[in-house]
């Protein structure tokens, strides 16, 4: 009696189907991406520079202690009040003669900053300070610079500094990007971001 062969299933096409399904899921699946905080670290110093002394009135001291309490100039302050306090300091314009700021709109208090180019914000935190509290404070300080830059950009070019940054990144922007960069540099020079995270040395002036 002849031996009967067991029926076979042609599985050659199954591999092709599995491969096509794999490609489909790879193409159609959205993978979550964790984004970090956009902060640029300063470049390493090329040479040892002498320590620069700063007038006490040109320093705006912001401190976070180990229990996330905020102090500005050694006085307690609420987080939602920090931005306004930083703007008042940066925009004070209390200098005279060569240090006079003709575009500043602050109180021109002689006991506060001379002009935005001299004003330095010093941010100091404890090792026990929480990451969330530190970032929240830093965001408020950066937003103070942004608000002042937006104001001056609108005054000089009738467009905000935020809009300038968006236009620079826009691939479909039809304007002159080289000119736009120069305008942005000018605005940044009016309110340079001088945010220090090191303990400053003050002069007795």
Protein backbone atom coordinates (compact mmCIF):
# COMPACT_ATOMS: atom_id res chain seq x y z
CA UNK A 1 0.00 0.00 0.00
CA UNK A 2 1.46 3.40 -1.00
CA UNK A 3 2.33 5.75 1.85
CA UNK A 4 0.20 8.88 1.85
CA UNK A 5 2.01 12.20 2.33
CA UNK A 6 0.68 14.60 4.95
CA UNK A 7 -0.84 17.74 3.40
CA UNK A 8 1.41 20.80 3.52
CA UNK A 9 0.49 24.47 3.85
CA UNK A 10 2.46 26.89 1.74
CA UNK A 11 3.71 29.44 4.30
CA UNK A 12 5.85 31.40 1.87
CA UNK A 13 3.35 34.24 1.58
CA UNK A 14 2.88 34.47 5.38
CA UNK A 15 6.35 35.96 5.78
CA UNK A 16 5.53 38.62 3.19
CA UNK A 17 2.30 39.51 4.97
CA UNK A 18 4.03 39.73 8.35
CA UNK A 19 6.72 41.96 6.83
CA UNK A 20 4.10 44.27 5.31
CA UNK A 21 2.24 44.49 8.63
CA UNK A 22 5.47 45.33 10.41
CA UNK A 23 6.18 48.16 7.96
CA UNK A 24 2.61 49.43 8.33
CA UNK A 25 2.84 49.63 12.14
CA UNK A 26 6.28 51.28 12.02
CA UNK A 27 5.01 53.96 9.65
CA UNK A 28 1.65 54.62 11.33
CA UNK A 29 2.66 54.42 15.01
CA UNK A 30 3.42 57.70 16.79
CA UNK A 31 6.30 57.44 19.23
CA UNK A 32 6.25 59.84 22.16
CA UNK A 33 9.31 62.04 22.41
CA UNK A 34 10.49 63.62 25.63
CA UNK A 35 11.64 67.19 25.07
CA UNK A 36 14.19 68.85 27.28
CA UNK A 37 14.48 72.48 28.28
CA UNK A 38 16.01 74.78 25.71
CA UNK A 39 18.84 76.37 27.64
CA UNK A 40 22.27 77.01 26.20
CA UNK A 41 25.26 76.55 28.47
CA UNK A 42 27.99 79.19 28.29
CA UNK A 43 31.12 78.17 26.34
CA UNK A 44 34.19 77.16 28.36
CA UNK A 45 36.51 80.11 29.01
CA UNK A 46 39.53 80.24 26.75
CA UNK A 47 41.66 81.83 29.41
CA UNK A 48 41.40 82.80 33.05
CA UNK A 49 39.87 86.26 33.20
CA UNK A 50 40.08 88.59 36.18
CA UNK A 51 36.97 88.68 38.34
CA UNK A 52 34.74 91.61 37.48
CA UNK A 53 33.30 93.55 40.36
CA UNK A 54 29.72 94.74 40.07
CA UNK A 55 27.97 97.61 41.82
CA UNK A 56 25.58 96.34 44.44
CA UNK A 57 22.69 98.32 42.93
CA UNK A 58 23.21 96.60 39.57
CA UNK A 59 22.61 93.18 41.15
CA UNK A 60 19.20 91.60 41.54
CA UNK A 61 19.57 88.68 43.92
CA UNK A 62 17.08 85.84 43.60
CA UNK A 63 17.40 82.93 46.02
CA UNK A 64 15.61 79.61 46.46
CA UNK A 65 16.15 77.81 49.74
CA UNK A 66 15.93 74.12 50.59
CA UNK A 67 12.15 74.24 51.07
CA UNK A 68 11.54 76.12 47.77
CA UNK A 69 10.91 79.47 49.42
CA UNK A 70 11.66 82.43 47.13
CA UNK A 71 13.63 85.45 48.35
CA UNK A 72 14.45 88.56 46.32
CA UNK A 73 17.02 90.90 47.82
CA UNK A 74 16.72 88.82 51.00
CA UNK A 75 12.97 89.51 51.26
CA UNK A 76 10.30 86.82 50.71
CA UNK A 77 8.40 87.11 47.43
CA UNK A 78 5.65 85.14 45.72
CA UNK A 79 6.50 83.50 42.41
CA UNK A 80 3.75 85.39 40.55
CA UNK A 81 5.34 88.70 41.67
CA UNK A 82 8.85 87.83 40.45
CA UNK A 83 8.42 88.81 36.79
CA UNK A 84 7.18 92.33 37.62
CA UNK A 85 10.01 92.80 40.14
CA UNK A 86 12.61 91.70 37.56
CA UNK A 87 11.17 94.05 34.92
CA UNK A 88 11.25 96.97 37.36
CA UNK A 89 14.93 96.23 38.03
CA UNK A 90 15.99 95.72 34.40
CA UNK A 91 14.03 98.73 33.12
CA UNK A 92 14.90 101.10 35.98
CA UNK A 93 17.36 103.29 34.05
CA UNK A 94 18.82 105.05 37.06
CA UNK A 95 22.18 105.86 35.46
CA UNK A 96 23.38 109.29 34.45
CA UNK A 97 25.66 110.72 31.77
CA UNK A 98 27.28 107.83 29.84
CA UNK A 99 25.15 105.27 31.66
CA UNK A 100 21.83 107.02 30.93
CA UNK A 101 19.19 104.80 29.30
CA UNK A 102 16.93 106.84 26.99
CA UNK A 103 14.58 103.94 26.17
CA UNK A 104 14.05 102.72 29.75
CA UNK A 105 10.61 103.40 31.23
CA UNK A 106 11.30 102.54 34.86
CA UNK A 107 11.30 104.71 37.97
CA UNK A 108 14.94 105.83 37.46
CA UNK A 109 15.68 105.08 41.09
CA UNK A 110 19.35 105.98 41.74
CA UNK A 111 19.50 103.07 44.21
CA UNK A 112 18.57 100.51 41.53
CA UNK A 113 20.19 99.47 38.24
CA UNK A 114 21.89 102.07 36.05
CA UNK A 115 20.82 100.59 32.71
CA UNK A 116 19.94 97.17 31.21
CA UNK A 117 23.52 96.56 30.06
CA UNK A 118 24.75 96.86 33.63
CA UNK A 119 21.87 94.98 35.28
CA UNK A 120 22.65 91.41 36.35
CA UNK A 121 20.19 88.93 37.81
CA UNK A 122 21.85 86.48 40.20
CA UNK A 123 19.95 83.23 40.70
CA UNK A 124 21.13 81.15 43.65
CA UNK A 125 19.53 77.93 44.82
CA UNK A 126 20.11 75.31 47.49
CA UNK A 127 21.12 71.75 46.63
CA UNK A 128 17.80 70.65 48.13
CA UNK A 129 15.73 72.99 45.92
CA UNK A 130 13.27 71.02 43.80
CA UNK A 131 13.74 70.92 40.05
CA UNK A 132 10.18 72.19 39.45
CA UNK A 133 10.67 75.25 41.68
CA UNK A 134 14.00 76.10 40.05
CA UNK A 135 12.57 75.89 36.50
CA UNK A 136 9.49 77.93 37.48
CA UNK A 137 11.70 80.74 38.83
CA UNK A 138 13.98 80.64 35.81
CA UNK A 139 10.99 80.83 33.46
CA UNK A 140 9.69 83.94 35.23
CA UNK A 141 13.08 85.64 34.90
CA UNK A 142 13.43 84.77 31.22
CA UNK A 143 9.88 85.97 30.54
CA UNK A 144 10.84 89.36 32.04
CA UNK A 145 13.55 89.75 29.37
CA UNK A 146 11.11 88.57 26.70
CA UNK A 147 8.45 91.12 27.66
CA UNK A 148 10.92 94.00 27.51
CA UNK A 149 12.32 92.82 24.17
CA UNK A 150 8.81 92.49 22.77
CA UNK A 151 8.08 96.06 23.82
CA UNK A 152 11.15 97.48 22.12
CA UNK A 153 10.69 95.36 18.98
CA UNK A 154 7.13 96.70 18.64
CA UNK A 155 8.39 100.26 19.15
CA UNK A 156 11.19 100.00 16.59
CA UNK A 157 9.84 97.54 14.01
CA UNK A 158 6.10 97.21 14.72
CA UNK A 159 6.52 93.47 15.31
CA UNK A 160 7.18 91.62 18.56
CA UNK A 161 10.44 89.85 19.31
CA UNK A 162 8.55 86.55 19.59
CA UNK A 163 7.19 87.09 16.07
CA UNK A 164 10.70 87.80 14.83
CA UNK A 165 11.91 84.48 16.21
CA UNK A 166 8.99 82.67 14.58
CA UNK A 167 9.69 84.34 11.23
CA UNK A 168 13.36 83.38 11.41
CA UNK A 169 12.40 79.72 11.85
CA UNK A 170 9.71 79.84 9.16
CA UNK A 171 10.94 78.20 5.95
CA UNK A 172 8.24 80.06 3.98
CA UNK A 173 9.21 83.52 5.26
CA UNK A 174 9.62 85.77 2.22
CA UNK A 175 11.49 88.62 3.92
CA UNK A 176 15.21 89.24 4.30
CA UNK A 177 16.39 86.91 7.06
CA UNK A 178 19.82 88.55 7.24
CA UNK A 179 18.16 91.88 7.99
CA UNK A 180 15.84 90.16 10.47
CA UNK A 181 18.83 88.71 12.34
CA UNK A 182 20.41 92.17 12.60
CA UNK A 183 17.19 93.61 13.98
CA UNK A 184 16.98 90.81 16.55
CA UNK A 185 20.59 91.44 17.60
CA UNK A 186 19.79 95.10 18.11
CA UNK A 187 16.82 94.26 20.33
CA UNK A 188 18.92 91.78 22.31
CA UNK A 189 21.60 94.44 22.81
CA UNK A 190 19.00 96.76 24.37
CA UNK A 191 18.10 94.12 26.96
CA UNK A 192 20.94 91.58 27.09
CA UNK A 193 20.12 88.47 29.10
CA UNK A 194 22.54 88.61 32.01
CA UNK A 195 21.29 85.80 34.18
CA UNK A 196 24.05 84.54 36.45
CA UNK A 197 23.91 81.33 38.44
CA UNK A 198 27.14 81.96 40.31
CA UNK A 199 27.72 83.94 43.47
CA UNK A 200 28.76 87.42 42.27
CA UNK A 201 31.47 89.62 43.71
CA UNK A 202 30.21 93.09 44.54
CA UNK A 203 32.12 96.32 44.68
CA UNK A 204 31.73 98.80 47.50
CA UNK A 205 30.28 101.50 45.27
